Amino acid sequence: MARFSNILLICNGKAGQGTLEVLLKDAVPPLLDICTNLIIHKTKEKGDAERVCKESGSRYELVVIMGGDGTIHESINGLSVLEERPLVAILPGGTCNDFARSLYIPMDIGQAVSLITDRPFEQDIDIVKAGKRYFSNFWGTGLVSQTSDNIDMGSKSVLGKLSYYISAFQSIKDSPILSVKVTTEKETVEEDVVMLLVANGRSIGSNPLPNCINMDDGLMDLYFVKKSGFPLLKEFLVIKSTGNISEEYDDIMHIQAKKAHIELGQNEKLDMDGELYEGSRQSLEVLQKHLRFVVGSIE
């Protein structure tokens, strides 16, 4: 059994009180068994998780993030700037839990806690720096950011993952065309696309991304999606069921890079791990094996 002196548990204080109480009841006793001191921080407002991780993350041997992709995104941004970075563990408590899925973390809270207490696997994972921000799972613009922007927060709380599918299918109907120019260390690509997706993780909206993605190889995977409508919907279903892009589908272009400078024709919504930003230019750089995580097994 793993042993730690100090553990910081960050949880989303805005989660439904009943839900949060259940999650804490399942998580806290096993964590207390493996540490001398357990500090629980319930976030109070947007940016709180990032601030706490930045100010005190290096004081802990282990930081446990309990929440959804938004809480994880904030925490990653706080931890990534530290010189001395702790081991990180995820307890999924959100709607899609995409980064947790990318790390093969069980969706059952009890099983996820057991990964931490038993600590069978750890892995150094790439983090991508995007300007002054960081992302762990994906960066996207076009259809992917339009989908996030179109999600009704009321339906998200009621329908959960289904709200992402509804928003995605609504967005596919009239996806605008974006002019993008991407310059990497190897090549320059100029394309008109409905979506540019930069993946570091293996899941978006609970859907698997192509299984060629490696989260510790120092490379990001860029996908230029050129057409929407039924062809994209069909390919979306193929990727969901197999994790691969079918060979005959030539409207998705895939390249890999360590660094990429992205230029858009105009200001667009930019989606980083489900959090929306805005801009027309973005410089991305992979920080190879930047944070160490407790991970699950692919089996």
C-alpha atoms as a PDB file:
ATOM      1  CA  MET A   1       0.000   0.000   0.000  1.00  0.00           C
ATOM      2  CA  ALA A   2       1.230   3.481  -0.892  1.00  0.00           C
ATOM      3  CA  ARG A   3       2.186   5.882   1.925  1.00  0.00           C
ATOM      4  CA  PHE A   4       2.338   9.676   1.801  1.00  0.00           C
ATOM      5  CA  SER A   5       3.086  12.364   4.360  1.00  0.00           C
ATOM      6  CA  ASN A   6       0.864  15.037   2.840  1.00  0.00           C
ATOM      7  CA  ILE A   7      -2.035  14.760   0.378  1.00  0.00           C
ATOM      8  CA  LEU A   8      -4.064  17.636  -1.061  1.00  0.00           C
ATOM      9  CA  LEU A   9      -7.568  16.727  -2.214  1.00  0.00           C
ATOM     10  CA  ILE A  10      -9.155  19.340  -4.475  1.00  0.00           C
ATOM     11  CA  CYS A  11     -12.871  18.953  -5.142  1.00  0.00           C
ATOM     12  CA  ASN A  12     -15.418  20.981  -7.054  1.00  0.00           C
ATOM     13  CA  GLY A  13     -17.344  22.900  -4.408  1.00  0.00           C
ATOM     14  CA  LYS A  14     -20.023  23.766  -6.963  1.00  0.00           C
ATOM     15  CA  ALA A  15     -20.993  20.133  -7.456  1.00  0.00           C
ATOM     16  CA  GLY A  16     -24.399  19.212  -6.105  1.00  0.00           C
ATOM     17  CA  GLN A  17     -24.134  18.938  -2.320  1.00  0.00           C
ATOM     18  CA  GLY A  18     -25.543  15.434  -2.259  1.00  0.00           C
ATOM     19  CA  THR A  19     -23.219  14.300  -5.022  1.00  0.00           C
ATOM     20  CA  LEU A  20     -20.152  15.849  -3.393  1.00  0.00           C
ATOM     21  CA  GLU A  21     -20.960  14.295  -0.015  1.00  0.00           C
ATOM     22  CA  VAL A  22     -21.233  10.832  -1.578  1.00  0.00           C
ATOM     23  CA  LEU A  23     -17.946  11.252  -3.447  1.00  0.00           C
ATOM     24  CA  LEU A  24     -16.129  12.472  -0.345  1.00  0.00           C
ATOM     25  CA  LYS A  25     -17.577   9.671   1.770  1.00  0.00           C
ATOM     26  CA  ASP A  26     -16.134   7.128  -0.658  1.00  0.00           C
ATOM     27  CA  ALA A  27     -12.810   8.908  -1.167  1.00  0.00           C
ATOM     28  CA  VAL A  28     -11.710  10.310   2.192  1.00  0.00           C
ATOM     29  CA  PRO A  29     -11.438   7.199   4.440  1.00  0.00           C
ATOM     30  CA  PRO A  30      -9.142   5.256   2.044  1.00  0.00           C
ATOM     31  CA  LEU A  31      -6.969   8.357   1.533  1.00  0.00           C
ATOM     32  CA  LEU A  32      -6.671   8.896   5.290  1.00  0.00           C
ATOM     33  CA  ASP A  33      -5.377   5.341   5.583  1.00  0.00           C
ATOM     34  CA  ILE A  34      -2.375   6.093   3.382  1.00  0.00           C
ATOM     35  CA  CYS A  35      -1.236   9.497   4.632  1.00  0.00           C
ATOM     36  CA  THR A  36      -0.246  11.455   7.715  1.00  0.00           C
ATOM     37  CA  ASN A  37      -2.050  14.657   6.697  1.00  0.00           C
ATOM     38  CA  LEU A  38      -4.977  15.062   4.291  1.00  0.00           C
ATOM     39  CA  ILE A  39      -6.035  18.575   3.357  1.00  0.00           C
ATOM     40  CA  ILE A  40      -9.390  18.928   1.593  1.00  0.00           C
ATOM     41  CA  HIS A  41      -9.995  22.053  -0.469  1.00  0.00           C
ATOM     42  CA  LYS A  42     -13.466  22.694  -1.860  1.00  0.00           C
ATOM     43  CA  THR A  43     -13.293  25.204  -4.694  1.00  0.00           C
ATOM     44  CA  LYS A  44     -15.437  28.291  -4.193  1.00  0.00           C
ATOM     45  CA  GLU A  45     -15.196  30.082  -7.542  1.00  0.00           C
ATOM     46  CA  LYS A  46     -13.720  29.851 -11.028  1.00  0.00           C
ATOM     47  CA  GLY A  47      -9.937  29.856 -10.884  1.00  0.00           C
ATOM     48  CA  ASP A  48      -9.800  28.655  -7.269  1.00  0.00           C
ATOM     49  CA  ALA A  49      -8.327  25.235  -8.080  1.00  0.00           C
ATOM     50  CA  GLU A  50      -5.615  26.821 -10.241  1.00  0.00           C
ATOM     51  CA  ARG A  51      -4.703  29.311  -7.517  1.00  0.00           C
ATOM     52  CA  VAL A  52      -4.441  26.670  -4.780  1.00  0.00           C
ATOM     53  CA  CYS A  53      -2.321  24.360  -6.952  1.00  0.00           C
ATOM     54  CA  LYS A  54      -0.003  27.193  -7.948  1.00  0.00           C
ATOM     55  CA  GLU A  55       0.407  28.501  -4.385  1.00  0.00           C
ATOM     56  CA  SER A  56       0.731  25.244  -2.475  1.00  0.00           C
ATOM     57  CA  GLY A  57       0.952  22.290  -4.882  1.00  0.00           C
ATOM     58  CA  SER A  58       4.682  21.795  -4.377  1.00  0.00           C
ATOM     59  CA  ARG A  59       4.178  21.282  -0.621  1.00  0.00           C
ATOM     60  CA  TYR A  60       2.394  17.981  -1.205  1.00  0.00           C
ATOM     61  CA  GLU A  61       3.637  14.589  -2.341  1.00  0.00           C
ATOM     62  CA  LEU A  62       0.276  13.850  -3.957  1.00  0.00           C
ATOM     63  CA  VAL A  63      -2.466  16.111  -5.308  1.00  0.00           C
ATOM     64  CA  VAL A  64      -5.807  14.369  -5.876  1.00  0.00           C
ATOM     65  CA  ILE A  65      -8.233  16.173  -8.204  1.00  0.00           C
ATOM     66  CA  MET A  66     -11.843  15.127  -7.698  1.00  0.00           C
ATOM     67  CA  GLY A  67     -14.164  16.608 -10.293  1.00  0.00           C
ATOM     68  CA  GLY A  68     -14.762  16.982 -13.998  1.00  0.00           C
ATOM     69  CA  ASP A  69     -12.616  18.213 -16.864  1.00  0.00           C
ATOM     70  CA  GLY A  70     -13.045  21.872 -15.837  1.00  0.00           C
ATOM     71  CA  THR A  71     -11.621  21.293 -12.362  1.00  0.00           C
ATOM     72  CA  ILE A  72      -8.808  19.219 -13.855  1.00  0.00           C
ATOM     73  CA  HIS A  73      -8.021  21.921 -16.438  1.00  0.00           C
ATOM     74  CA  GLU A  74      -7.715  24.550 -13.719  1.00  0.00           C
ATOM     75  CA  SER A  75      -5.564  22.327 -11.530  1.00  0.00           C
ATOM     76  CA  ILE A  76      -3.262  21.369 -14.414  1.00  0.00           C
ATOM     77  CA  ASN A  77      -2.716  25.071 -15.132  1.00  0.00           C
ATOM     78  CA  GLY A  78      -1.713  25.641 -11.517  1.00  0.00           C
ATOM     79  CA  LEU A  79       0.556  22.592 -11.262  1.00  0.00           C
ATOM     80  CA  SER A  80       2.290  22.953 -14.636  1.00  0.00           C
ATOM     81  CA  VAL A  81       4.069  26.197 -13.684  1.00  0.00           C
ATOM     82  CA  LEU A  82       5.713  24.683 -10.596  1.00  0.00           C
ATOM     83  CA  GLU A  83       9.400  23.835 -10.475  1.00  0.00           C
ATOM     84  CA  GLU A  84       8.734  20.927  -8.098  1.00  0.00           C
ATOM     85  CA  ARG A  85       5.588  19.121  -9.191  1.00  0.00           C
ATOM     86  CA  PRO A  86       3.756  16.506  -7.127  1.00  0.00           C
ATOM     87  CA  LEU A  87       2.332  13.176  -8.202  1.00  0.00           C
ATOM     88  CA  VAL A  88      -1.233  13.742  -9.459  1.00  0.00           C
ATOM     89  CA  ALA A  89      -4.287  11.485  -9.244  1.00  0.00           C
ATOM     90  CA  ILE A  90      -7.776  11.906 -10.727  1.00  0.00           C
ATOM     91  CA  LEU A  91     -11.099  10.933  -9.160  1.00  0.00           C
ATOM     92  CA  PRO A  92     -13.740  11.426 -11.888  1.00  0.00           C
ATOM     93  CA  GLY A  93     -16.708  13.494 -10.778  1.00  0.00           C
ATOM     94  CA  GLY A  94     -17.871  15.349 -13.880  1.00  0.00           C
ATOM     95  CA  THR A  95     -20.048  14.813 -16.937  1.00  0.00           C
ATOM     96  CA  CYS A  96     -17.661  13.322 -19.508  1.00  0.00           C
ATOM     97  CA  ASN A  97     -14.440  12.892 -17.498  1.00  0.00           C
ATOM     98  CA  ASP A  98     -12.421  12.796 -20.714  1.00  0.00           C
ATOM     99  CA  PHE A  99      -8.959  13.191 -19.227  1.00  0.00           C
ATOM    100  CA  ALA A 100      -9.700  10.487 -16.658  1.00  0.00           C
ATOM    101  CA  ARG A 101     -10.795   8.198 -19.507  1.00  0.00           C
ATOM    102  CA  SER A 102      -7.571   9.039 -21.364  1.00  0.00           C
ATOM    103  CA  LEU A 103      -5.616   7.791 -18.340  1.00  0.00           C
ATOM    104  CA  TYR A 104      -7.808   4.657 -18.084  1.00  0.00           C
ATOM    105  CA  ILE A 105      -9.160   5.754 -14.707  1.00  0.00           C
ATOM    106  CA  PRO A 106     -12.285   3.785 -13.703  1.00  0.00           C
ATOM    107  CA  MET A 107     -15.470   5.854 -13.643  1.00  0.00           C
ATOM    108  CA  ASP A 108     -16.481   4.155 -10.378  1.00  0.00           C
ATOM    109  CA  ILE A 109     -15.179   6.319  -7.529  1.00  0.00           C
ATOM    110  CA  GLY A 110     -14.309   3.350  -5.320  1.00  0.00           C
ATOM    111  CA  GLN A 111     -12.245   1.702  -8.050  1.00  0.00           C
ATOM    112  CA  ALA A 112     -10.564   5.033  -8.855  1.00  0.00           C
ATOM    113  CA  VAL A 113      -9.571   5.498  -5.193  1.00  0.00           C
ATOM    114  CA  SER A 114      -8.160   1.961  -5.165  1.00  0.00           C
ATOM    115  CA  LEU A 115      -5.777   2.961  -7.966  1.00  0.00           C
ATOM    116  CA  ILE A 116      -4.356   5.602  -5.637  1.00  0.00           C
ATOM    117  CA  THR A 117      -4.136   3.446  -2.522  1.00  0.00           C
ATOM    118  CA  ASP A 118      -2.739   0.417  -4.351  1.00  0.00           C
ATOM    119  CA  ARG A 119      -0.712   2.633  -6.712  1.00  0.00           C
ATOM    120  CA  PRO A 120       0.086  -0.073  -9.262  1.00  0.00           C
ATOM    121  CA  PHE A 121       0.852   2.261 -12.183  1.00  0.00           C
ATOM    122  CA  GLU A 122       2.343   5.726 -12.556  1.00  0.00           C
ATOM    123  CA  GLN A 123       3.179   7.470 -15.816  1.00  0.00           C
ATOM    124  CA  ASP A 124       4.810  10.745 -16.838  1.00  0.00           C
ATOM    125  CA  ILE A 125       2.326  12.448 -19.163  1.00  0.00           C
ATOM    126  CA  ASP A 126       2.825  15.185 -21.754  1.00  0.00           C
ATOM    127  CA  ILE A 127       1.222  18.570 -21.116  1.00  0.00           C
ATOM    128  CA  VAL A 128       0.830  21.122 -23.929  1.00  0.00           C
ATOM    129  CA  LYS A 129       1.585  24.786 -23.318  1.00  0.00           C
ATOM    130  CA  ALA A 130      -0.770  27.063 -25.268  1.00  0.00           C
ATOM    131  CA  GLY A 131       0.471  30.626 -24.974  1.00  0.00           C
ATOM    132  CA  LYS A 132       0.311  31.280 -21.227  1.00  0.00           C
ATOM    133  CA  ARG A 133      -2.148  28.436 -20.617  1.00  0.00           C
ATOM    134  CA  TYR A 134      -1.798  24.650 -20.508  1.00  0.00           C
ATOM    135  CA  PHE A 135      -3.995  21.758 -21.581  1.00  0.00           C
ATOM    136  CA  SER A 136      -3.845  18.055 -20.872  1.00  0.00           C
ATOM    137  CA  ASN A 137      -6.459  16.584 -23.197  1.00  0.00           C
ATOM    138  CA  PHE A 138      -7.224  18.693 -26.293  1.00  0.00           C
ATOM    139  CA  TRP A 139      -7.287  22.068 -28.005  1.00  0.00           C
ATOM    140  CA  GLY A 140      -9.782  22.783 -30.753  1.00  0.00           C
ATOM    141  CA  THR A 141     -11.557  25.383 -32.826  1.00  0.00           C
ATOM    142  CA  GLY A 142     -14.440  25.253 -35.270  1.00  0.00           C
ATOM    143  CA  LEU A 143     -16.958  22.476 -34.719  1.00  0.00           C
ATOM    144  CA  VAL A 144     -15.497  21.375 -31.374  1.00  0.00           C
ATOM    145  CA  SER A 145     -15.578  24.853 -29.809  1.00  0.00           C
ATOM    146  CA  GLN A 146     -18.961  25.548 -31.416  1.00  0.00           C
ATOM    147  CA  THR A 147     -20.291  22.398 -29.747  1.00  0.00           C
ATOM    148  CA  SER A 148     -19.028  23.521 -26.334  1.00  0.00           C
ATOM    149  CA  ASP A 149     -20.411  27.011 -26.869  1.00  0.00           C
ATOM    150  CA  ASN A 150     -23.837  25.655 -27.841  1.00  0.00           C
ATOM    151  CA  ILE A 151     -24.276  23.435 -24.782  1.00  0.00           C
ATOM    152  CA  ASP A 152     -27.117  24.582 -22.578  1.00  0.00           C
ATOM    153  CA  MET A 153     -25.833  24.348 -19.002  1.00  0.00           C
ATOM    154  CA  GLY A 154     -29.284  23.432 -17.747  1.00  0.00           C
ATOM    155  CA  SER A 155     -29.510  20.477 -20.111  1.00  0.00           C
ATOM    156  CA  LYS A 156     -25.926  19.509 -19.257  1.00  0.00           C
ATOM    157  CA  SER A 157     -26.852  19.101 -15.591  1.00  0.00           C
ATOM    158  CA  VAL A 158     -29.969  17.108 -16.457  1.00  0.00           C
ATOM    159  CA  LEU A 159     -28.898  15.122 -19.505  1.00  0.00           C
ATOM    160  CA  GLY A 160     -25.183  14.724 -18.805  1.00  0.00           C
ATOM    161  CA  LYS A 161     -23.232  13.262 -21.736  1.00  0.00           C
ATOM    162  CA  LEU A 162     -26.315  13.292 -23.951  1.00  0.00           C
ATOM    163  CA  SER A 163     -26.194  17.095 -24.005  1.00  0.00           C
ATOM    164  CA  TYR A 164     -22.788  16.920 -25.743  1.00  0.00           C
ATOM    165  CA  TYR A 165     -24.173  14.641 -28.459  1.00  0.00           C
ATOM    166  CA  ILE A 166     -27.214  16.882 -28.974  1.00  0.00           C
ATOM    167  CA  SER A 167     -24.998  19.973 -29.225  1.00  0.00           C
ATOM    168  CA  ALA A 168     -22.551  18.225 -31.579  1.00  0.00           C
ATOM    169  CA  PHE A 169     -25.258  17.097 -33.971  1.00  0.00           C
ATOM    170  CA  GLN A 170     -26.862  20.562 -33.936  1.00  0.00           C
ATOM    171  CA  SER A 171     -23.474  22.139 -34.677  1.00  0.00           C
ATOM    172  CA  ILE A 172     -22.736  19.730 -37.548  1.00  0.00           C
ATOM    173  CA  LYS A 173     -25.750  21.006 -39.498  1.00  0.00           C
ATOM    174  CA  ASP A 174     -24.266  24.421 -40.244  1.00  0.00           C
ATOM    175  CA  SER A 175     -20.574  24.335 -39.409  1.00  0.00           C
ATOM    176  CA  PRO A 176     -18.772  27.433 -40.727  1.00  0.00           C
ATOM    177  CA  ILE A 177     -15.592  27.028 -42.773  1.00  0.00           C
ATOM    178  CA  LEU A 178     -12.404  28.262 -41.119  1.00  0.00           C
ATOM    179  CA  SER A 179      -9.191  29.200 -42.897  1.00  0.00           C
ATOM    180  CA  VAL A 180      -6.248  27.877 -40.892  1.00  0.00           C
ATOM    181  CA  LYS A 181      -2.485  27.990 -41.305  1.00  0.00           C
ATOM    182  CA  VAL A 182      -0.402  25.702 -39.106  1.00  0.00           C
ATOM    183  CA  THR A 183       3.382  25.929 -39.033  1.00  0.00           C
ATOM    184  CA  THR A 184       5.314  23.132 -37.313  1.00  0.00           C
ATOM    185  CA  GLU A 185       9.002  22.282 -37.056  1.00  0.00           C
ATOM    186  CA  LYS A 186       8.584  20.115 -40.186  1.00  0.00           C
ATOM    187  CA  GLU A 187       5.926  21.683 -42.426  1.00  0.00           C
ATOM    188  CA  THR A 188       3.325  24.354 -43.074  1.00  0.00           C
ATOM    189  CA  VAL A 189      -0.285  23.333 -43.696  1.00  0.00           C
ATOM    190  CA  GLU A 190      -2.939  25.727 -45.026  1.00  0.00           C
ATOM    191  CA  GLU A 191      -6.475  24.364 -45.202  1.00  0.00           C
ATOM    192  CA  ASP A 192     -10.130  25.362 -45.115  1.00  0.00           C
ATOM    193  CA  VAL A 193     -11.676  23.262 -42.361  1.00  0.00           C
ATOM    194  CA  VAL A 194     -14.787  22.875 -40.235  1.00  0.00           C
ATOM    195  CA  MET A 195     -12.607  21.893 -37.274  1.00  0.00           C
ATOM    196  CA  LEU A 196      -8.995  21.890 -36.195  1.00  0.00           C
ATOM    197  CA  LEU A 197      -8.393  19.515 -33.293  1.00  0.00           C
ATOM    198  CA  VAL A 198      -5.103  19.156 -31.421  1.00  0.00           C
ATOM    199  CA  ALA A 199      -5.167  16.037 -29.254  1.00  0.00           C
ATOM    200  CA  ASN A 200      -2.963  15.026 -26.372  1.00  0.00           C
ATOM    201  CA  GLY A 201      -5.525  12.748 -24.723  1.00  0.00           C
ATOM    202  CA  ARG A 202      -7.620   9.914 -26.076  1.00  0.00           C
ATOM    203  CA  SER A 203     -11.227  11.003 -25.421  1.00  0.00           C
ATOM    204  CA  ILE A 204     -13.576  13.910 -26.180  1.00  0.00           C
ATOM    205  CA  GLY A 205     -17.196  13.969 -25.061  1.00  0.00           C
ATOM    206  CA  SER A 206     -16.712  10.414 -23.728  1.00  0.00           C
ATOM    207  CA  ASN A 207     -15.794   9.310 -27.265  1.00  0.00           C
ATOM    208  CA  PRO A 208     -12.478   7.611 -28.047  1.00  0.00           C
ATOM    209  CA  LEU A 209     -10.050   9.402 -30.337  1.00  0.00           C
ATOM    210  CA  PRO A 210      -7.868   7.452 -32.796  1.00  0.00           C
ATOM    211  CA  ASN A 211      -5.789   5.007 -30.788  1.00  0.00           C
ATOM    212  CA  CYS A 212      -2.489   6.091 -32.360  1.00  0.00           C
ATOM    213  CA  ILE A 213      -2.343   8.889 -29.777  1.00  0.00           C
ATOM    214  CA  ASN A 214       0.491   8.425 -27.316  1.00  0.00           C
ATOM    215  CA  MET A 215       0.434  10.631 -24.228  1.00  0.00           C
ATOM    216  CA  ASP A 216       4.159  10.556 -23.436  1.00  0.00           C
ATOM    217  CA  ASP A 217       5.873  10.692 -26.835  1.00  0.00           C
ATOM    218  CA  GLY A 218       6.486  14.461 -26.882  1.00  0.00           C
ATOM    219  CA  LEU A 219       4.166  14.899 -29.876  1.00  0.00           C
ATOM    220  CA  MET A 220       0.692  16.394 -30.282  1.00  0.00           C
ATOM    221  CA  ASP A 221      -1.720  14.999 -32.865  1.00  0.00           C
ATOM    222  CA  LEU A 222      -3.334  17.597 -35.149  1.00  0.00           C
ATOM    223  CA  TYR A 223      -6.506  16.726 -37.086  1.00  0.00           C
ATOM    224  CA  PHE A 224      -7.731  18.956 -39.917  1.00  0.00           C
ATOM    225  CA  VAL A 225     -11.407  18.097 -40.491  1.00  0.00           C
ATOM    226  CA  LYS A 226     -12.472  19.410 -43.903  1.00  0.00           C
ATOM    227  CA  LYS A 227     -16.157  18.473 -44.196  1.00  0.00           C
ATOM    228  CA  SER A 228     -19.112  18.131 -41.869  1.00  0.00           C
ATOM    229  CA  GLY A 229     -22.631  16.808 -42.455  1.00  0.00           C
ATOM    230  CA  PHE A 230     -23.341  13.101 -42.877  1.00  0.00           C
ATOM    231  CA  PRO A 231     -19.787  12.046 -43.885  1.00  0.00           C
ATOM    232  CA  LEU A 232     -18.389  13.469 -40.645  1.00  0.00           C
ATOM    233  CA  LEU A 233     -21.230  11.955 -38.612  1.00  0.00           C
ATOM    234  CA  LYS A 234     -20.505   8.550 -40.162  1.00  0.00           C
ATOM    235  CA  GLU A 235     -16.791   8.850 -39.438  1.00  0.00           C
ATOM    236  CA  PHE A 236     -17.575  10.029 -35.901  1.00  0.00           C
ATOM    237  CA  LEU A 237     -19.455   6.762 -35.336  1.00  0.00           C
ATOM    238  CA  VAL A 238     -16.565   4.733 -36.824  1.00  0.00           C
ATOM    239  CA  ILE A 239     -14.064   6.410 -34.494  1.00  0.00           C
ATOM    240  CA  LYS A 240     -16.403   5.875 -31.537  1.00  0.00           C
ATOM    241  CA  SER A 241     -16.648   2.145 -32.200  1.00  0.00           C
ATOM    242  CA  THR A 242     -13.072   1.409 -33.294  1.00  0.00           C
ATOM    243  CA  GLY A 243     -10.892   4.317 -32.141  1.00  0.00           C
ATOM    244  CA  ASN A 244      -9.515   4.629 -35.693  1.00  0.00           C
ATOM    245  CA  ILE A 245     -10.043   6.859 -38.716  1.00  0.00           C
ATOM    246  CA  SER A 246     -11.119   4.641 -41.616  1.00  0.00           C
ATOM    247  CA  GLU A 247      -8.555   4.521 -44.416  1.00  0.00           C
ATOM    248  CA  GLU A 248     -11.014   5.526 -47.151  1.00  0.00           C
ATOM    249  CA  TYR A 249     -12.010   8.723 -45.355  1.00  0.00           C
ATOM    250  CA  ASP A 250      -9.789  11.451 -46.809  1.00  0.00           C
ATOM    251  CA  ASP A 251     -11.498  14.513 -45.319  1.00  0.00           C
ATOM    252  CA  ILE A 252      -9.468  14.276 -42.121  1.00  0.00           C
ATOM    253  CA  MET A 253      -5.781  15.145 -42.374  1.00  0.00           C
ATOM    254  CA  HIS A 254      -3.500  14.056 -39.532  1.00  0.00           C
ATOM    255  CA  ILE A 255      -0.019  15.328 -38.644  1.00  0.00           C
ATOM    256  CA  GLN A 256       2.150  15.230 -35.514  1.00  0.00           C
ATOM    257  CA  ALA A 257       4.390  17.947 -34.107  1.00  0.00           C
ATOM    258  CA  LYS A 258       6.361  19.041 -31.043  1.00  0.00           C
ATOM    259  CA  LYS A 259       5.538  22.681 -31.669  1.00  0.00           C
ATOM    260  CA  ALA A 260       2.846  24.334 -33.777  1.00  0.00           C
ATOM    261  CA  HIS A 261       1.937  27.936 -34.520  1.00  0.00           C
ATOM    262  CA  ILE A 262      -1.708  28.294 -35.540  1.00  0.00           C
ATOM    263  CA  GLU A 263      -3.095  31.258 -37.491  1.00  0.00           C
ATOM    264  CA  LEU A 264      -6.834  31.668 -38.082  1.00  0.00           C
ATOM    265  CA  GLY A 265      -8.521  33.977 -40.564  1.00  0.00           C
ATOM    266  CA  GLN A 266     -10.263  35.840 -37.744  1.00  0.00           C
ATOM    267  CA  ASN A 267     -10.952  35.655 -34.026  1.00  0.00           C
ATOM    268  CA  GLU A 268     -12.564  32.320 -33.134  1.00  0.00           C
ATOM    269  CA  LYS A 269     -13.674  30.490 -30.036  1.00  0.00           C
ATOM    270  CA  LEU A 270     -10.858  28.221 -28.829  1.00  0.00           C
ATOM    271  CA  ASP A 271     -11.686  25.183 -26.718  1.00  0.00           C
ATOM    272  CA  MET A 272      -9.092  23.864 -24.275  1.00  0.00           C
ATOM    273  CA  ASP A 273     -10.249  20.801 -22.340  1.00  0.00           C
ATOM    274  CA  GLY A 274     -13.844  22.053 -22.543  1.00  0.00           C
ATOM    275  CA  GLU A 275     -13.014  25.597 -21.376  1.00  0.00           C
ATOM    276  CA  LEU A 276     -13.617  28.350 -23.961  1.00  0.00           C
ATOM    277  CA  TYR A 277     -11.123  31.073 -24.860  1.00  0.00           C
ATOM    278  CA  GLU A 278     -10.924  33.353 -27.905  1.00  0.00           C
ATOM    279  CA  GLY A 279      -8.241  34.385 -30.382  1.00  0.00           C
ATOM    280  CA  SER A 280      -6.853  34.208 -33.913  1.00  0.00           C
ATOM    281  CA  ARG A 281      -3.317  33.001 -33.175  1.00  0.00           C
ATOM    282  CA  GLN A 282      -2.003  30.319 -30.868  1.00  0.00           C
ATOM    283  CA  SER A 283       1.454  28.867 -30.276  1.00  0.00           C
ATOM    284  CA  LEU A 284       1.508  25.323 -28.895  1.00  0.00           C
ATOM    285  CA  GLU A 285       4.461  23.428 -27.426  1.00  0.00           C
ATOM    286  CA  VAL A 286       4.544  19.921 -25.959  1.00  0.00           C
ATOM    287  CA  LEU A 287       6.183  19.673 -22.537  1.00  0.00           C
ATOM    288  CA  GLN A 288       7.168  16.024 -22.667  1.00  0.00           C
ATOM    289  CA  LYS A 289       6.417  13.924 -19.556  1.00  0.00           C
ATOM    290  CA  HIS A 290       5.744  17.124 -17.611  1.00  0.00           C
ATOM    291  CA  LEU A 291       3.395  15.755 -14.928  1.00  0.00           C
ATOM    292  CA  ARG A 292       3.369  12.336 -13.284  1.00  0.00           C
ATOM    293  CA  PHE A 293      -0.059  10.693 -12.857  1.00  0.00           C
ATOM    294  CA  VAL A 294      -1.516   7.652 -11.204  1.00  0.00           C
ATOM    295  CA  VAL A 295      -3.008   5.782 -14.184  1.00  0.00           C
ATOM    296  CA  GLY A 296      -5.171   2.755 -14.807  1.00  0.00           C
ATOM    297  CA  SER A 297      -4.579  -0.236 -17.003  1.00  0.00           C
ATOM    298  CA  ILE A 298      -5.804  -0.399 -20.610  1.00  0.00           C
ATOM    299  CA  GLU A 299      -7.240  -3.772 -19.695  1.00  0.00           C
END
